[in-house]
N, C-alpha and C. Protein backbone atom coordinates (compact mmCIF):
# COMPACT_ATOMS: atom_id res chain seq x y z
N MET A 1 19.93 5.38 23.59
CA MET A 1 18.52 5.25 23.10
C MET A 1 17.79 3.76 23.54
N THR A 2 16.54 3.47 23.75
CA THR A 2 16.31 1.89 23.05
C THR A 2 14.90 2.45 22.49
N ASP A 3 14.81 1.02 21.88
CA ASP A 3 13.57 1.36 20.47
C ASP A 3 12.04 0.28 21.41
N ASP A 4 11.50 1.01 21.19
CA ASP A 4 10.47 0.36 22.83
C ASP A 4 9.33 0.01 21.21
N THR A 5 9.93 -0.56 19.71
CA THR A 5 8.56 -0.81 18.94
C THR A 5 9.27 -2.59 18.43
N THR A 6 8.16 -2.93 18.07
CA THR A 6 8.42 -4.18 17.64
C THR A 6 7.43 -4.40 16.57
N PRO A 7 8.30 -5.06 15.70
CA PRO A 7 7.32 -5.37 14.41
C PRO A 7 6.79 -6.40 14.31
N PHE A 8 5.40 -6.25 13.77
CA PHE A 8 4.83 -7.56 13.76
C PHE A 8 3.75 -7.19 12.35
N ASP A 9 2.95 -8.51 11.99
CA ASP A 9 2.39 -8.82 11.21
C ASP A 9 0.79 -8.36 11.18
N ALA A 10 0.54 -7.82 9.63
CA ALA A 10 -0.17 -6.74 9.44
C ALA A 10 -1.81 -7.63 10.01
N THR A 11 -1.56 -9.01 9.74
CA THR A 11 -2.87 -9.95 10.40
C THR A 11 -3.01 -9.20 11.75
N ASP A 12 -2.07 -9.08 12.74
CA ASP A 12 -2.14 -8.68 13.87
C ASP A 12 -2.56 -7.64 14.29
N LEU A 13 -2.57 -6.48 13.04
CA LEU A 13 -3.23 -5.16 13.93
C LEU A 13 -4.70 -5.39 14.47
N PRO A 14 -4.92 -4.15 15.44
CA PRO A 14 -6.22 -4.32 16.07
C PRO A 14 -7.04 -3.89 14.76
N ASP A 15 -8.24 -4.78 14.72
CA ASP A 15 -9.63 -4.97 13.62
C ASP A 15 -9.77 -3.59 13.56
N VAL A 16 -9.71 -2.49 14.34
CA VAL A 16 -9.94 -1.38 14.53
C VAL A 16 -9.16 -0.53 13.19
N VAL A 17 -7.63 -0.28 13.53
CA VAL A 17 -6.68 -0.39 12.65
C VAL A 17 -7.55 -0.92 11.36
N LYS A 18 -7.43 -2.31 10.88
CA LYS A 18 -7.81 -2.79 9.61
C LYS A 18 -9.30 -1.51 9.29
N ARG A 19 -9.95 -1.82 10.11
CA ARG A 19 -11.21 -0.84 9.43
C ARG A 19 -11.31 0.64 9.18
N TYR A 20 -10.47 0.62 10.03
CA TYR A 20 -10.12 2.59 9.19
C TYR A 20 -9.07 2.43 7.69
N LEU A 21 -8.56 1.79 7.98
CA LEU A 21 -7.05 1.97 6.70
C LEU A 21 -7.96 1.24 5.41
N LYS A 22 -9.00 0.41 5.95
CA LYS A 22 -10.25 -0.34 4.14
C LYS A 22 -10.79 0.69 3.69
N ALA A 23 -11.49 1.38 4.82
CA ALA A 23 -12.45 2.37 5.03
C ALA A 23 -12.21 3.69 4.34
N HIS A 24 -10.29 3.79 4.71
CA HIS A 24 -9.95 5.56 4.19
C HIS A 24 -9.28 4.86 2.86
N ASN A 25 -8.89 4.07 2.70
CA ASN A 25 -8.34 3.32 1.06
C ASN A 25 -9.21 3.28 0.27
N GLU A 26 -10.61 2.91 0.69
CA GLU A 26 -11.99 2.81 -0.17
C GLU A 26 -12.96 4.14 -0.71
N HIS A 27 -12.20 5.18 0.24
CA HIS A 27 -13.10 6.05 0.41
C HIS A 27 -14.39 6.43 0.71
N ASP A 28 -14.52 5.18 2.45
CA ASP A 28 -16.05 5.20 2.64
C ASP A 28 -15.54 6.23 4.10
N VAL A 29 -16.05 7.50 4.06
CA VAL A 29 -16.18 7.95 4.82
C VAL A 29 -16.95 7.61 6.05
N PRO A 30 -17.90 7.52 5.69
CA PRO A 30 -19.27 7.14 7.16
C PRO A 30 -17.81 5.82 8.03
N ALA A 31 -17.78 4.71 7.28
CA ALA A 31 -17.05 3.66 7.89
C ALA A 31 -15.20 3.71 8.44
N ALA A 32 -15.42 4.85 7.75
CA ALA A 32 -14.08 5.49 8.57
C ALA A 32 -14.37 6.27 9.95
N SER A 33 -15.23 7.14 9.72
CA SER A 33 -15.36 7.66 10.67
C SER A 33 -16.09 6.88 12.11
N ALA A 34 -16.77 5.87 11.79
CA ALA A 34 -17.44 5.00 13.14
C ALA A 34 -16.01 4.10 13.92
N THR A 35 -15.40 4.48 13.32
CA THR A 35 -13.57 3.88 14.19
C THR A 35 -13.10 5.05 14.95
N LEU A 36 -13.34 5.77 14.81
CA LEU A 36 -12.85 6.61 16.26
C LEU A 36 -13.93 6.99 17.52
N THR A 37 -13.47 7.48 18.49
CA THR A 37 -13.76 7.92 19.23
C THR A 37 -15.06 9.33 19.21
N PRO A 38 -15.59 9.90 20.00
CA PRO A 38 -16.15 10.79 20.03
C PRO A 38 -15.49 12.00 19.58
N GLY A 39 -14.72 12.25 20.62
CA GLY A 39 -13.25 13.17 20.84
C GLY A 39 -11.74 12.78 19.70
N ALA A 40 -11.76 12.40 19.23
CA ALA A 40 -11.20 12.09 18.16
C ALA A 40 -10.18 12.88 17.60
N THR A 41 -9.15 13.04 17.48
CA THR A 41 -8.14 13.92 16.50
C THR A 41 -7.58 13.48 15.73
N VAL A 42 -6.78 14.15 15.03
CA VAL A 42 -6.37 13.30 13.43
C VAL A 42 -5.24 14.62 13.28
N THR A 43 -4.20 14.40 13.28
CA THR A 43 -2.88 15.05 12.59
C THR A 43 -2.82 14.85 11.37
N ASP A 44 -2.60 15.67 10.28
CA ASP A 44 -2.18 15.32 8.92
C ASP A 44 -1.75 16.38 8.28
N ASP A 45 -0.62 16.88 7.59
CA ASP A 45 0.08 17.77 7.05
C ASP A 45 0.54 18.86 7.96
N GLY A 46 0.76 18.36 9.16
CA GLY A 46 0.89 19.87 10.24
C GLY A 46 -0.25 20.46 10.88
N ARG A 47 -1.57 19.95 10.40
CA ARG A 47 -2.91 20.26 10.79
C ARG A 47 -3.48 19.53 11.29
N THR A 48 -4.22 19.94 13.11
CA THR A 48 -5.24 18.62 13.62
C THR A 48 -6.53 19.17 13.66
N TYR A 49 -6.96 17.66 13.37
CA TYR A 49 -9.06 17.95 12.84
C TYR A 49 -9.39 16.79 14.89
N GLU A 50 -10.26 17.70 15.01
CA GLU A 50 -10.91 17.61 16.42
C GLU A 50 -12.36 17.22 16.34
N GLY A 51 -12.74 16.00 16.63
CA GLY A 51 -14.22 15.52 16.35
C GLY A 51 -14.44 15.18 15.34
N ILE A 52 -15.72 14.32 15.00
CA ILE A 52 -16.02 13.59 14.15
C ILE A 52 -16.32 14.13 13.00
N PRO A 53 -17.20 15.51 13.43
CA PRO A 53 -17.17 16.02 12.20
C PRO A 53 -16.22 17.09 11.27
N ALA A 54 -15.43 17.40 12.21
CA ALA A 54 -14.22 18.04 11.32
C ALA A 54 -13.34 17.35 10.93
N ILE A 55 -13.35 16.01 11.76
CA ILE A 55 -12.49 14.56 10.90
C ILE A 55 -13.18 14.31 9.55
N GLU A 56 -14.76 14.16 9.45
CA GLU A 56 -14.73 13.61 8.05
C GLU A 56 -14.83 14.56 7.07
N ARG A 57 -15.01 16.30 7.54
CA ARG A 57 -14.63 16.86 6.23
C ARG A 57 -13.33 16.55 5.75
N TRP A 58 -12.01 16.18 6.68
CA TRP A 58 -11.15 16.49 6.30
C TRP A 58 -10.89 14.79 5.38
N LEU A 59 -11.48 13.70 5.91
CA LEU A 59 -11.15 12.55 5.44
C LEU A 59 -12.21 13.02 3.80
N ASP A 60 -12.75 13.11 4.05
CA ASP A 60 -14.02 13.56 2.59
C ASP A 60 -12.79 14.50 1.49
N ARG A 61 -12.17 15.15 2.44
CA ARG A 61 -10.95 16.41 1.11
C ARG A 61 -9.58 15.36 0.81
N ALA A 62 -9.21 14.61 1.98
CA ALA A 62 -8.05 13.73 1.74
C ALA A 62 -8.18 12.61 0.75
N THR A 63 -9.59 11.88 0.78
CA THR A 63 -9.38 11.01 -0.09
C THR A 63 -10.52 11.56 -1.69
N SER A 64 -10.64 12.43 -1.55
CA SER A 64 -11.14 13.27 -3.20
C SER A 64 -10.03 14.23 -3.97
N GLU A 65 -9.18 14.51 -3.10
CA GLU A 65 -7.96 15.61 -3.74
C GLU A 65 -7.00 15.31 -4.69
N TYR A 66 -6.88 13.69 -4.91
CA TYR A 66 -5.69 12.84 -4.81
C TYR A 66 -5.82 11.63 -5.47
N THR A 67 -5.35 11.00 -6.87
CA THR A 67 -5.68 9.81 -6.94
C THR A 67 -4.63 9.37 -7.01
N TYR A 68 -4.57 8.31 -5.84
CA TYR A 68 -3.83 7.01 -5.68
C TYR A 68 -3.85 5.63 -5.10
N THR A 69 -2.64 5.52 -4.68
CA THR A 69 -2.88 3.65 -4.73
C THR A 69 -2.08 3.58 -3.69
N THR A 70 -2.26 2.82 -2.43
CA THR A 70 -1.43 2.22 -0.88
C THR A 70 -0.64 1.16 -1.21
N THR A 71 0.22 1.23 -0.39
CA THR A 71 0.95 -0.26 -0.34
C THR A 71 1.40 -0.93 1.37
N LEU A 72 1.01 -1.28 1.39
CA LEU A 72 1.11 -1.88 3.23
C LEU A 72 2.85 -2.15 3.23
N ILE A 73 3.79 -1.73 3.81
CA ILE A 73 5.59 -1.43 3.54
C ILE A 73 5.33 -1.87 5.16
N GLY A 74 4.77 -1.56 6.65
CA GLY A 74 5.06 -2.24 7.19
C GLY A 74 4.21 -1.54 8.54
N THR A 75 4.82 -2.53 10.01
CA THR A 75 3.77 -2.22 11.27
C THR A 75 4.69 -2.08 12.35
N GLU A 76 4.50 -1.30 13.37
CA GLU A 76 5.14 -2.00 14.47
C GLU A 76 3.98 -1.74 15.91
N HIS A 77 4.11 -2.84 16.79
CA HIS A 77 3.67 -2.10 18.22
C HIS A 77 4.54 -1.29 18.61
N ASP A 78 3.53 -0.39 19.56
CA ASP A 78 4.35 0.64 19.89
C ASP A 78 3.85 0.78 21.57
N GLY A 79 3.23 -0.15 21.71
CA GLY A 79 2.51 -0.46 23.26
C GLY A 79 1.27 -1.47 22.98
N PRO A 80 0.95 -0.63 24.38
CA PRO A 80 -0.72 -2.04 24.62
C PRO A 80 -1.91 -1.23 23.49
N ASP A 81 -1.47 0.25 23.12
CA ASP A 81 -2.89 1.02 22.99
C ASP A 81 -2.11 1.60 21.73
N ARG A 82 -1.15 1.34 21.10
CA ARG A 82 0.02 2.05 20.16
C ARG A 82 0.01 1.26 19.15
N CYS A 83 -0.22 1.70 17.77
CA CYS A 83 0.56 0.79 16.60
C CYS A 83 0.86 2.00 15.74
N THR A 84 1.34 1.65 14.58
CA THR A 84 2.09 2.05 13.64
C THR A 84 2.21 1.29 12.59
N VAL A 85 1.48 1.74 11.45
CA VAL A 85 1.58 1.45 9.86
C VAL A 85 2.22 2.19 9.28
N THR A 86 3.31 1.96 8.06
CA THR A 86 3.70 2.62 7.20
C THR A 86 2.95 2.02 5.86
N GLN A 87 2.44 2.77 5.04
CA GLN A 87 1.72 2.50 3.82
C GLN A 87 2.88 3.86 2.76
N ARG A 88 3.13 3.03 1.67
CA ARG A 88 3.37 3.92 0.27
C ARG A 88 2.71 4.60 -0.53
N LEU A 89 2.53 5.44 -0.71
CA LEU A 89 1.37 5.91 -1.47
C LEU A 89 1.63 6.52 -2.68
N GLU A 90 1.30 5.98 -4.47
CA GLU A 90 1.54 6.79 -5.27
C GLU A 90 0.82 7.18 -5.75
N GLY A 91 0.67 8.47 -6.63
CA GLY A 91 0.10 9.19 -7.34
C GLY A 91 -0.18 10.05 -8.06
N ASP A 92 -1.34 10.85 -8.02
CA ASP A 92 -1.01 12.27 -8.94
C ASP A 92 -0.78 13.57 -7.92
N PHE A 93 -0.53 13.41 -6.66
CA PHE A 93 -0.06 14.87 -5.99
C PHE A 93 1.17 14.89 -6.11
N PRO A 94 1.73 16.18 -5.59
CA PRO A 94 3.21 16.95 -5.58
C PRO A 94 4.28 15.75 -5.11
N GLY A 95 5.04 14.96 -5.97
CA GLY A 95 5.92 14.45 -5.91
C GLY A 95 5.95 13.07 -5.90
N GLY A 96 4.79 12.55 -6.08
CA GLY A 96 4.28 11.36 -6.72
C GLY A 96 4.59 9.92 -5.90
N THR A 97 5.07 10.13 -5.03
CA THR A 97 5.29 8.95 -4.28
C THR A 97 6.17 9.44 -2.93
N VAL A 98 4.89 9.00 -1.52
CA VAL A 98 5.59 9.51 -0.27
C VAL A 98 5.10 7.97 0.53
N ASP A 99 5.73 7.74 1.40
CA ASP A 99 6.13 6.83 2.51
C ASP A 99 5.64 7.41 3.48
N LEU A 100 4.08 7.18 4.06
CA LEU A 100 3.51 7.41 5.21
C LEU A 100 3.37 6.91 6.68
N HIS A 101 3.80 7.39 7.29
CA HIS A 101 3.29 6.64 8.91
C HIS A 101 2.07 6.97 9.43
N TYR A 102 1.01 6.26 9.78
CA TYR A 102 -0.28 6.17 10.37
C TYR A 102 0.39 6.03 11.76
N ARG A 103 -0.07 6.74 12.80
CA ARG A 103 0.54 6.33 14.48
C ARG A 103 -0.69 6.50 14.98
N PHE A 104 -1.07 5.21 15.55
CA PHE A 104 -2.30 4.94 15.86
C PHE A 104 -2.84 5.06 17.68
N THR A 105 -3.46 5.46 18.16
CA THR A 105 -3.81 5.47 20.16
C THR A 105 -5.27 5.01 19.57
N LEU A 106 -4.78 3.59 20.62
CA LEU A 106 -6.66 3.60 20.73
C LEU A 106 -6.97 3.70 22.12
N ASP A 107 -8.47 4.00 22.50
CA ASP A 107 -9.24 3.86 23.68
C ASP A 107 -10.53 2.91 22.90
N GLN A 108 -10.05 2.56 24.62
CA GLN A 108 -11.79 1.14 24.40
C GLN A 108 -12.03 0.54 23.31
N GLY A 109 -10.75 0.08 22.13
CA GLY A 109 -11.23 -0.56 21.32
C GLY A 109 -11.84 0.10 19.94
N LEU A 110 -11.46 2.14 20.27
CA LEU A 110 -11.47 2.78 18.75
C LEU A 110 -10.40 3.34 18.65
N ILE A 111 -10.38 4.23 17.95
CA ILE A 111 -8.79 5.10 17.45
C ILE A 111 -9.18 6.86 18.30
N SER A 112 -8.48 6.48 19.18
CA SER A 112 -8.36 8.06 20.00
C SER A 112 -7.83 9.60 19.24
N HIS A 113 -6.70 8.65 18.57
CA HIS A 113 -5.58 10.14 17.98
C HIS A 113 -5.29 9.19 17.00
N LEU A 114 -5.01 9.97 15.52
CA LEU A 114 -4.12 9.35 14.85
C LEU A 114 -3.29 10.56 13.96
N THR A 115 -1.92 9.99 13.90
CA THR A 115 -1.20 11.47 12.96
C THR A 115 -0.33 10.64 11.91
N ILE A 116 -0.88 11.02 10.66
CA ILE A 116 -0.43 10.56 9.45
C ILE A 116 1.48 11.66 9.34
N ALA A 117 2.58 11.22 9.06
CA ALA A 117 3.06 11.99 8.76
C ALA A 117 4.30 11.21 8.27
N PRO A 118 5.21 12.18 6.98
CA PRO A 118 6.56 11.38 6.84
C PRO A 118 7.44 10.46 7.31
């Protein structure tokens, strides 16, 4: 089995990914949704949200349900249109600390799919 991922510096992340992460961390739902394709999907906690309205509802709930801080702990380039960002979340949610992998797929400069998982 080979590993096709390549670690890279966070400054090398695609601009759209940096904008999404900043907006998500700042609880700015309109700015986060502006980084998505119209038919984008997000999978988080085993549930998939499809399309901007469903994703905006998820973002609104996800960013207001708990108080937490994020620390970037890694980035990987998974292909020409894919990257993974790993962040450590610490807060008042069950367990208090978790490392989450944000797996982005891009399409024409926007995010078409995002999977968030430990």
